[in-house]
């Protein structure tokens, strides 16, 4: 092996602006204008219910025209809370539309004695409505919906119903809900049968649907990949635009909670329904924990090792570091391997693993070439392993490749007479470790460059 690199796998510590590419602020409005309208959904038995439709639009507001320019768009079916109306979630659902995500929210089951099963069915009927609209010439959404990229969401009762709907509907590719409440039949019991990525967004100060007896139990029962983002100081009705009779309150402002909610929902659905790879950093990567207002428990199902290693290589030499990815999830997966943010030439070999069974591992290596010159002395990068099953879930490690002082030929960390002999041996062997002047060739100039570096004590 020509050299080594230093590898540090971390869970916390990097923010969005860590130098590995600019991540959008998903809590801010996206690039589209959002419109909305009321629609009528027909059930298979010909009964009907109303729903609100939110979509990228040619102008803002009710009954605005549909903007097909970024389509076909993915879509999410959203369920309201117990005795809550859809308009109380208006700002968040419009926000998703500004990020190119169509949302349809059923008005049904708003009575004092709702049927959770029927509500979950209606949320699924909403997806069927979108399929029909997409296929029917002359409708608002004709050829505007990506019917292979559906998601589920909801708040409280609607969050629990979104779990029931996802467990029963193979069309759903991602699930993210808000303070999901236990339902009848049990949403918690259905979590183990859900095989798509899940985010159970909760509030730490929720007194109506406490996270410890709802979201945490659902998370425990679920399969990787799964997330439990807990908004610190978030409260149950803080997920809505206004509070009503019987609501709780909490230490976080409604504006802050809604901003964080929108960031969590938009980034998650952008990653899994659109394939927006910039979003992985705030869903699974180091940027996720940069904002301490959200504390996330997560299981990606992807383990990447080693955790820590530290070594250096000479300029113009390729250094190689081995890694192992382990499938910690419940199903066989293959993985793409990416090296991101490196200032020096770097690549993963192989860049794609074969199919890895649960509990099994696959090896790969990262090769980095230290360029000539003295600065920069090192470069940081991320080594990420992406699930090819869903295209968004990643495990990752932090990697720092450093250039060793050319005068420290024996690698002892101090300069002694032994370094002279090591340099002569390297030069005689034609090793680029003796390329002291960084020219890419071994010449008499390397002797003078070595002597200069030795005399400077590696201080250059």
Protein backbone atom coordinates (compact mmCIF):
# COMPACT_ATOMS: atom_id res chain seq x y z
CA UNK A 1 0.00 0.00 0.00
CA UNK A 2 1.45 3.33 -1.06
CA UNK A 3 0.20 5.28 1.92
CA UNK A 4 -2.57 5.84 4.42
CA UNK A 5 -5.28 8.30 5.27
CA UNK A 6 -6.95 9.31 8.47
CA UNK A 7 -10.59 8.24 8.76
CA UNK A 8 -12.99 9.49 11.39
CA UNK A 9 -16.57 8.20 11.47
CA UNK A 10 -18.73 10.60 13.42
CA UNK A 11 -22.39 10.94 14.29
CA UNK A 12 -22.44 14.58 15.24
CA UNK A 13 -20.55 17.71 14.43
CA UNK A 14 -20.76 18.88 10.83
CA UNK A 15 -23.10 21.61 9.75
CA UNK A 16 -24.61 22.24 6.38
CA UNK A 17 -21.79 24.62 5.46
CA UNK A 18 -19.02 22.07 6.09
CA UNK A 19 -17.49 22.61 2.66
CA UNK A 20 -19.08 19.58 1.03
CA UNK A 21 -21.54 21.37 -1.22
CA UNK A 22 -24.31 23.86 -0.56
CA UNK A 23 -27.48 22.34 0.89
CA UNK A 24 -30.72 24.27 0.30
CA UNK A 25 -32.67 25.51 3.30
CA UNK A 26 -35.73 23.33 2.96
CA UNK A 27 -37.53 25.27 5.68
CA UNK A 28 -37.70 28.25 3.33
CA UNK A 29 -40.13 28.27 0.37
CA UNK A 30 -38.99 26.37 -2.69
CA UNK A 31 -38.77 27.56 -6.31
CA UNK A 32 -42.45 27.10 -7.24
CA UNK A 33 -45.51 29.24 -6.60
CA UNK A 34 -48.19 27.26 -4.74
CA UNK A 35 -51.90 27.11 -5.46
CA UNK A 36 -54.76 25.09 -4.03
CA UNK A 37 -58.34 24.10 -4.69
CA UNK A 38 -61.07 21.81 -3.37
CA UNK A 39 -61.74 18.60 -5.31
CA UNK A 40 -64.20 15.75 -5.08
CA UNK A 41 -62.92 12.19 -4.72
CA UNK A 42 -65.16 9.27 -5.71
CA UNK A 43 -64.82 6.04 -3.75
CA UNK A 44 -65.19 2.64 -5.47
CA UNK A 45 -68.78 2.41 -4.13
CA UNK A 46 -69.57 5.77 -5.82
CA UNK A 47 -69.85 7.70 -2.56
CA UNK A 48 -67.79 10.89 -2.46
CA UNK A 49 -65.76 13.11 -0.15
CA UNK A 50 -63.97 16.41 -0.59
CA UNK A 51 -60.25 16.98 -0.39
CA UNK A 52 -57.88 19.90 -0.75
CA UNK A 53 -55.31 19.79 -3.49
CA UNK A 54 -52.04 21.75 -3.23
CA UNK A 55 -49.78 22.04 -6.27
CA UNK A 56 -47.14 24.08 -8.13
CA UNK A 57 -49.16 26.84 -9.74
CA UNK A 58 -48.97 29.63 -12.29
CA UNK A 59 -50.14 32.06 -9.58
CA UNK A 60 -50.62 31.94 -5.83
CA UNK A 61 -53.95 31.28 -4.20
CA UNK A 62 -57.17 29.35 -4.57
CA UNK A 63 -58.11 27.84 -7.95
CA UNK A 64 -54.84 28.96 -9.54
CA UNK A 65 -53.69 27.28 -12.72
CA UNK A 66 -51.41 24.25 -12.59
CA UNK A 67 -47.76 24.80 -13.49
CA UNK A 68 -46.59 21.75 -15.48
CA UNK A 69 -43.05 23.06 -16.05
CA UNK A 70 -41.38 20.93 -13.38
CA UNK A 71 -43.61 17.90 -13.78
CA UNK A 72 -44.43 15.20 -13.51
CA UNK A 73 -44.47 15.86 -9.76
CA UNK A 74 -44.50 13.34 -6.92
CA UNK A 75 -47.50 13.48 -4.62
CA UNK A 76 -48.28 12.98 -0.94
CA UNK A 77 -51.61 12.08 0.67
CA UNK A 78 -52.09 13.92 3.98
CA UNK A 79 -54.43 13.11 6.87
CA UNK A 80 -55.75 15.73 9.33
CA UNK A 81 -55.94 15.32 13.10
CA UNK A 82 -58.97 14.39 15.22
CA UNK A 83 -61.67 17.07 14.88
CA UNK A 84 -59.25 19.21 12.89
CA UNK A 85 -59.86 20.70 9.46
CA UNK A 86 -57.41 20.61 6.59
CA UNK A 87 -57.11 24.40 6.44
CA UNK A 88 -55.23 24.32 9.77
CA UNK A 89 -52.29 22.75 7.93
CA UNK A 90 -52.52 25.10 4.96
CA UNK A 91 -49.13 26.80 5.30
CA UNK A 92 -47.18 23.54 5.53
CA UNK A 93 -49.02 21.87 2.65
CA UNK A 94 -48.52 24.94 0.47
CA UNK A 95 -44.85 24.85 1.46
CA UNK A 96 -44.47 21.32 0.11
CA UNK A 97 -46.05 22.47 -3.15
CA UNK A 98 -43.38 25.18 -3.47
CA UNK A 99 -40.82 22.37 -3.41
CA UNK A 100 -42.48 20.55 -6.30
CA UNK A 101 -44.58 18.12 -4.26
CA UNK A 102 -48.32 17.83 -4.92
CA UNK A 103 -50.36 17.24 -1.76
CA UNK A 104 -53.91 15.96 -1.49
CA UNK A 105 -55.60 16.12 1.92
CA UNK A 106 -58.90 14.37 2.61
CA UNK A 107 -61.64 16.25 4.49
CA UNK A 108 -63.35 13.00 5.49
CA UNK A 109 -63.73 11.43 8.96
CA UNK A 110 -64.05 14.75 10.74
CA UNK A 111 -66.76 13.61 13.14
CA UNK A 112 -66.61 12.91 16.87
CA UNK A 113 -66.45 9.17 16.16
CA UNK A 114 -64.18 8.72 13.13
CA UNK A 115 -63.20 5.39 11.64
CA UNK A 116 -59.43 5.17 11.43
CA UNK A 117 -59.63 2.33 8.95
CA UNK A 118 -61.95 4.28 6.67
CA UNK A 119 -59.76 7.36 6.95
CA UNK A 120 -56.73 5.33 5.85
CA UNK A 121 -58.80 4.02 2.93
CA UNK A 122 -59.79 7.54 1.93
CA UNK A 123 -56.15 8.62 2.01
CA UNK A 124 -55.43 5.77 -0.40
CA UNK A 125 -58.45 6.75 -2.52
CA UNK A 126 -56.82 10.19 -2.82
CA UNK A 127 -53.83 8.56 -4.51
CA UNK A 128 -56.18 6.75 -6.89
CA UNK A 129 -57.82 10.11 -7.66
CA UNK A 130 -54.43 11.49 -8.63
CA UNK A 131 -53.77 8.48 -10.87
CA UNK A 132 -57.10 9.04 -12.62
CA UNK A 133 -56.50 12.76 -13.03
CA UNK A 134 -53.04 12.13 -14.42
CA UNK A 135 -54.42 9.72 -17.02
CA UNK A 136 -57.46 11.76 -18.11
CA UNK A 137 -57.05 14.29 -20.88
CA UNK A 138 -58.43 17.73 -20.10
CA UNK A 139 -58.08 17.48 -16.31
CA UNK A 140 -56.01 19.92 -14.27
CA UNK A 141 -53.30 17.36 -13.54
CA UNK A 142 -53.18 15.52 -16.87
CA UNK A 143 -49.72 13.97 -17.23
CA UNK A 144 -48.54 16.10 -14.34
CA UNK A 145 -48.22 13.47 -11.60
CA UNK A 146 -45.41 10.94 -11.13
CA UNK A 147 -47.67 8.08 -10.14
CA UNK A 148 -44.69 5.89 -9.26
CA UNK A 149 -43.58 8.36 -6.56
CA UNK A 150 -46.28 8.60 -3.90
CA UNK A 151 -45.82 9.43 -0.22
CA UNK A 152 -47.99 9.45 2.90
CA UNK A 153 -48.21 11.98 5.71
CA UNK A 154 -50.58 13.28 8.37
CA UNK A 155 -50.91 14.75 11.85
CA UNK A 156 -52.08 13.02 15.02
CA UNK A 157 -55.01 10.77 14.02
CA UNK A 158 -54.06 11.39 10.40
CA UNK A 159 -50.48 10.45 11.20
CA UNK A 160 -51.63 7.12 12.60
CA UNK A 161 -53.90 6.64 9.59
CA UNK A 162 -50.95 7.36 7.29
CA UNK A 163 -49.19 4.37 8.84
CA UNK A 164 -52.22 2.14 8.24
CA UNK A 165 -52.44 3.39 4.65
CA UNK A 166 -48.74 2.88 3.95
CA UNK A 167 -48.76 -0.66 5.35
CA UNK A 168 -51.62 -1.55 2.99
CA UNK A 169 -50.52 0.25 -0.20
CA UNK A 170 -47.49 -0.75 -2.27
CA UNK A 171 -47.74 2.51 -4.23
CA UNK A 172 -46.36 4.44 -1.26
CA UNK A 173 -42.58 4.95 -1.43
CA UNK A 174 -42.00 7.11 1.67
CA UNK A 175 -43.81 7.99 4.92
CA UNK A 176 -43.28 11.10 7.06
CA UNK A 177 -45.87 12.18 9.61
CA UNK A 178 -46.36 14.57 12.52
CA UNK A 179 -47.06 13.45 16.11
CA UNK A 180 -48.66 10.25 14.83
CA UNK A 181 -51.26 8.92 17.27
CA UNK A 182 -52.09 5.31 17.99
CA UNK A 183 -55.18 4.18 16.08
CA UNK A 184 -57.72 1.38 16.01
CA UNK A 185 -56.53 -0.90 14.45
CA UNK A 186 -53.08 -0.31 15.88
CA UNK A 187 -50.71 1.82 13.81
CA UNK A 188 -47.83 0.66 16.01
CA UNK A 189 -48.57 -2.96 15.16
CA UNK A 190 -48.40 -2.14 11.45
CA UNK A 191 -44.98 -0.49 11.61
CA UNK A 192 -43.13 -3.79 11.24
CA UNK A 193 -44.76 -4.45 7.88
CA UNK A 194 -43.68 -1.12 6.35
CA UNK A 195 -40.65 -1.54 4.09
CA UNK A 196 -40.25 2.08 2.90
CA UNK A 197 -38.28 4.90 4.59
CA UNK A 198 -40.13 6.36 7.59
CA UNK A 199 -39.78 9.63 9.52
CA UNK A 200 -41.89 9.98 12.68
CA UNK A 201 -41.60 13.71 13.41
CA UNK A 202 -42.59 14.47 17.01
CA UNK A 203 -42.48 17.20 19.66
CA UNK A 204 -40.78 16.78 23.03
CA UNK A 205 -43.41 18.91 24.82
CA UNK A 206 -46.45 17.22 23.22
CA UNK A 207 -48.96 16.52 26.00
CA UNK A 208 -51.75 15.21 23.76
CA UNK A 209 -49.76 12.58 21.84
CA UNK A 210 -46.58 12.20 23.93
CA UNK A 211 -43.63 10.96 21.92
CA UNK A 212 -42.70 8.38 24.57
CA UNK A 213 -46.00 6.51 24.25
CA UNK A 214 -46.56 7.04 20.54
CA UNK A 215 -43.72 8.00 18.17
CA UNK A 216 -41.06 6.18 20.19
CA UNK A 217 -43.05 2.94 20.29
CA UNK A 218 -43.79 3.21 16.57
CA UNK A 219 -40.11 3.79 15.89
CA UNK A 220 -39.14 0.79 18.02
CA UNK A 221 -41.56 -1.41 16.07
CA UNK A 222 -40.41 -0.19 12.66
CA UNK A 223 -37.76 -1.39 10.24
CA UNK A 224 -34.71 0.47 8.97
CA UNK A 225 -34.45 2.94 7.38
CA UNK A 226 -36.30 4.88 10.04
CA UNK A 227 -36.02 8.27 11.76
CA UNK A 228 -37.50 9.76 14.91
CA UNK A 229 -36.81 13.52 14.76
CA UNK A 230 -37.99 15.14 18.00
CA UNK A 231 -38.44 18.92 17.90
CA UNK A 232 -37.19 20.18 21.26
CA UNK A 233 -40.00 22.14 22.88
CA UNK A 234 -42.38 21.19 20.08
CA UNK A 235 -46.02 20.69 21.05
CA UNK A 236 -48.99 18.92 19.53
CA UNK A 237 -50.91 21.87 18.14
CA UNK A 238 -47.68 23.60 17.18
CA UNK A 239 -47.84 21.50 14.00
CA UNK A 240 -50.98 23.49 13.00
CA UNK A 241 -51.37 27.07 11.84
CA UNK A 242 -53.83 27.93 14.65
CA UNK A 243 -54.84 26.43 17.98
CA UNK A 244 -58.40 25.37 18.79
CA UNK A 245 -60.29 24.32 21.89
CA UNK A 246 -58.50 21.54 23.75
CA UNK A 247 -55.05 22.34 22.34
CA UNK A 248 -51.85 22.21 24.32
CA UNK A 249 -48.97 24.67 24.27
CA UNK A 250 -45.21 24.47 24.54
CA UNK A 251 -42.01 26.47 25.02
CA UNK A 252 -41.17 26.67 21.32
CA UNK A 253 -42.86 29.35 19.23
CA UNK A 254 -45.32 28.17 16.61
CA UNK A 255 -43.30 29.93 13.90
CA UNK A 256 -40.12 28.07 14.84
CA UNK A 257 -41.89 24.72 15.08
CA UNK A 258 -43.56 25.15 11.71
CA UNK A 259 -40.24 26.16 10.13
CA UNK A 260 -38.54 23.01 11.45
CA UNK A 261 -41.53 20.89 10.45
CA UNK A 262 -41.38 22.19 6.89
CA UNK A 263 -37.63 21.58 6.72
CA UNK A 264 -38.04 17.99 7.93
CA UNK A 265 -40.95 17.17 5.61
CA UNK A 266 -39.60 18.91 2.50
CA UNK A 267 -36.09 17.45 2.76
CA UNK A 268 -37.37 13.93 3.43
CA UNK A 269 -39.86 13.88 0.56
CA UNK A 270 -37.44 15.66 -1.79
CA UNK A 271 -34.86 12.97 -1.10
CA UNK A 272 -37.12 9.96 -1.48
CA UNK A 273 -39.73 11.09 -4.00
CA UNK A 274 -37.64 13.37 -6.23
CA UNK A 275 -34.14 12.00 -5.76
CA UNK A 276 -32.76 15.36 -4.61
CA UNK A 277 -29.38 14.12 -3.35
CA UNK A 278 -28.54 17.46 -1.72
CA UNK A 279 -31.20 16.59 0.86
CA UNK A 280 -29.41 13.49 2.14
CA UNK A 281 -27.13 15.64 4.32
CA UNK A 282 -30.01 17.00 6.42
CA UNK A 283 -31.86 13.67 6.48
CA UNK A 284 -29.00 11.20 7.16
CA UNK A 285 -25.75 13.16 7.03
CA UNK A 286 -23.75 15.45 9.32
CA UNK A 287 -26.00 18.41 8.55
CA UNK A 288 -28.94 16.68 10.22
CA UNK A 289 -27.59 17.34 13.71
CA UNK A 290 -26.27 20.85 13.07
CA UNK A 291 -29.51 22.35 14.46
CA UNK A 292 -29.86 21.29 18.10
CA UNK A 293 -33.53 22.22 18.10
CA UNK A 294 -34.15 18.77 16.63
CA UNK A 295 -32.76 15.61 18.24
CA UNK A 296 -33.00 12.59 15.96
CA UNK A 297 -32.86 8.89 16.69
CA UNK A 298 -32.08 7.08 13.46
CA UNK A 299 -31.33 3.70 11.96
CA UNK A 300 -30.24 3.79 8.33
CA UNK A 301 -29.54 0.07 8.20
CA UNK A 302 -26.11 0.86 6.72
CA UNK A 303 -22.92 0.50 8.76
CA UNK A 304 -19.63 1.91 7.48
CA UNK A 305 -16.28 1.09 9.12
CA UNK A 306 -13.50 1.75 10.13
CA UNK A 307 -14.29 4.31 12.74
CA UNK A 308 -10.88 5.93 13.25
CA UNK A 309 -7.48 5.64 11.51
CA UNK A 310 -4.62 8.10 11.17
CA UNK A 311 -1.64 8.12 8.77
CA UNK A 312 -0.07 10.14 5.98
CA UNK A 313 1.34 9.86 2.48
CA UNK A 314 3.96 11.70 0.41
CA UNK A 315 3.08 14.10 -2.39
CA UNK A 316 2.30 12.60 -5.81
CA UNK A 317 1.55 9.24 -4.23
CA UNK A 318 -1.72 7.35 -4.18
CA UNK A 319 -2.91 6.36 -0.73
CA UNK A 320 -5.45 3.62 -0.22
CA UNK A 321 -7.78 2.99 2.68
CA UNK A 322 -10.04 -0.01 3.04
CA UNK A 323 -13.64 0.23 4.24
CA UNK A 324 -16.40 -2.25 5.00
CA UNK A 325 -20.13 -1.66 4.56
CA UNK A 326 -22.43 -3.88 6.59
CA UNK A 327 -26.12 -4.39 5.87
CA UNK A 328 -27.82 -3.77 9.22
CA UNK A 329 -31.29 -3.75 7.71
CA UNK A 330 -33.89 -6.48 7.26
CA UNK A 331 -33.58 -7.01 3.49
CA UNK A 332 -30.82 -7.60 0.92
CA UNK A 333 -29.40 -4.41 -0.57
CA UNK A 334 -26.76 -3.22 -3.01
CA UNK A 335 -24.94 0.04 -2.46
CA UNK A 336 -23.34 2.85 -4.43
CA UNK A 337 -20.14 4.25 -2.92
CA UNK A 338 -19.38 7.96 -3.28
CA UNK A 339 -16.49 10.18 -2.22
CA UNK A 340 -17.62 13.78 -1.82
CA UNK A 341 -15.97 17.08 -0.98
CA UNK A 342 -12.34 16.08 -1.59
CA UNK A 343 -9.94 18.80 -2.76
CA UNK A 344 -7.59 16.10 -4.08
CA UNK A 345 -8.28 13.37 -6.65
CA UNK A 346 -10.24 10.62 -4.88
CA UNK A 347 -12.32 7.63 -5.92
CA UNK A 348 -13.99 4.56 -4.46
CA UNK A 349 -13.16 1.10 -5.81
CA UNK A 350 -15.52 -0.50 -6.54
CA UNK A 351 -18.07 2.27 -6.79
CA UNK A 352 -20.92 -0.24 -6.60
CA UNK A 353 -21.24 -3.29 -4.35
CA UNK A 354 -23.00 -6.49 -5.20
CA UNK A 355 -26.12 -7.54 -3.33
CA UNK A 356 -25.38 -7.71 0.39
CA UNK A 357 -27.59 -9.95 2.54
CA UNK A 358 -28.79 -8.81 5.99
CA UNK A 359 -25.95 -9.09 8.49
CA UNK A 360 -23.36 -9.51 5.74
CA UNK A 361 -20.63 -7.10 4.64
CA UNK A 362 -18.84 -5.95 1.50
CA UNK A 363 -15.38 -4.39 1.25
CA UNK A 364 -14.28 -1.41 -0.82
CA UNK A 365 -11.40 1.02 -0.76
CA UNK A 366 -10.91 4.73 -1.24
CA UNK A 367 -7.92 5.90 -3.25
CA UNK A 368 -6.63 9.43 -2.79
CA UNK A 369 -3.67 11.05 -4.56
CA UNK A 370 -1.71 13.70 -2.69
CA UNK A 371 -0.83 16.44 -5.22
CA UNK A 372 2.57 18.16 -5.35
CA UNK A 373 3.41 21.16 -3.26
CA UNK A 374 3.13 21.87 0.42
CA UNK A 375 -0.36 23.37 0.72
CA UNK A 376 -2.96 22.35 1.53
CA UNK A 377 -1.49 19.80 3.90
CA UNK A 378 -4.71 17.79 4.05
CA UNK A 379 -8.21 17.49 2.64
CA UNK A 380 -11.45 16.36 4.24
CA UNK A 381 -14.15 14.39 2.48
CA UNK A 382 -17.16 12.20 3.12
CA UNK A 383 -17.26 8.56 2.15
CA UNK A 384 -20.95 7.73 1.73
CA UNK A 385 -22.66 4.45 1.01
CA UNK A 386 -26.07 4.88 -0.63
CA UNK A 387 -28.82 2.27 -0.74
CA UNK A 388 -29.70 1.42 -4.32
CA UNK A 389 -33.07 0.15 -3.11
CA UNK A 390 -34.53 3.56 -2.28
CA UNK A 391 -31.85 5.87 -3.71
CA UNK A 392 -31.72 8.08 -0.63
CA UNK A 393 -30.66 6.26 2.52
CA UNK A 394 -26.96 6.56 3.32
CA UNK A 395 -24.36 5.54 5.84
CA UNK A 396 -21.19 7.57 5.96
CA UNK A 397 -17.72 8.11 7.36
CA UNK A 398 -15.54 11.16 7.59
CA UNK A 399 -12.16 10.89 5.90
CA UNK A 400 -9.12 13.16 6.12
CA UNK A 401 -6.20 12.55 3.77
CA UNK A 402 -2.94 14.24 4.73
CA UNK A 403 0.42 14.84 3.07
CA UNK A 404 3.50 13.77 5.05
CA UNK A 405 6.60 15.95 5.18
CA UNK A 406 8.96 14.76 2.45
CA UNK A 407 11.94 14.92 4.83
CA UNK A 408 10.33 12.38 7.21
CA UNK A 409 11.21 9.48 4.94
CA UNK A 410 11.13 6.79 7.61
CA UNK A 411 7.74 7.92 8.94
CA UNK A 412 8.99 8.20 12.51
CA UNK A 413 7.50 11.65 13.05
CA UNK A 414 10.93 13.13 13.80
CA UNK A 415 13.89 13.95 11.56
CA UNK A 416 17.03 11.83 12.10
CA UNK A 417 19.94 10.42 10.10
CA UNK A 418 17.70 7.46 9.29
CA UNK A 419 15.69 9.70 6.98
CA UNK A 420 18.77 10.23 4.76
CA UNK A 421 19.17 6.50 4.27
CA UNK A 422 15.45 6.02 3.68
CA UNK A 423 15.51 8.76 1.04
CA UNK A 424 18.50 7.20 -0.73
CA UNK A 425 16.80 3.79 -0.69
CA UNK A 426 13.59 5.26 -2.13
CA UNK A 427 15.49 7.12 -4.87
CA UNK A 428 17.47 4.00 -5.82
CA UNK A 429 14.26 1.98 -5.98
CA UNK A 430 12.60 4.58 -8.25
CA UNK A 431 9.89 5.23 -5.65
CA UNK A 432 7.95 8.48 -5.92
CA UNK A 433 8.43 8.78 -2.16
CA UNK A 434 11.77 10.37 -3.18
CA UNK A 435 10.07 12.97 -5.41
CA UNK A 436 11.01 15.76 -3.01
CA UNK A 437 10.52 18.61 -5.50
CA UNK A 438 7.08 17.42 -6.57
CA UNK A 439 7.99 17.38 -10.25
CA UNK A 440 6.62 13.91 -10.87
CA UNK A 441 10.08 12.72 -11.86
CA UNK A 442 13.18 11.66 -9.95
CA UNK A 443 16.15 13.94 -10.71
CA UNK A 444 19.14 15.44 -8.96
CA UNK A 445 16.89 18.31 -7.90
CA UNK A 446 15.15 15.98 -5.46
CA UNK A 447 18.35 15.73 -3.39
CA UNK A 448 18.45 19.50 -2.89
CA UNK A 449 14.70 19.63 -2.19
CA UNK A 450 15.07 16.87 0.41
CA UNK A 451 17.96 18.71 2.08
CA UNK A 452 15.99 21.97 2.15
CA UNK A 453 12.99 20.27 3.74
CA UNK A 454 15.22 18.54 6.28
CA UNK A 455 16.93 21.81 7.16
CA UNK A 456 13.57 23.55 7.55
CA UNK A 457 12.45 20.86 9.99
CA UNK A 458 9.30 20.24 7.97
CA UNK A 459 8.14 23.72 8.84
CA UNK A 460 7.27 24.67 5.27
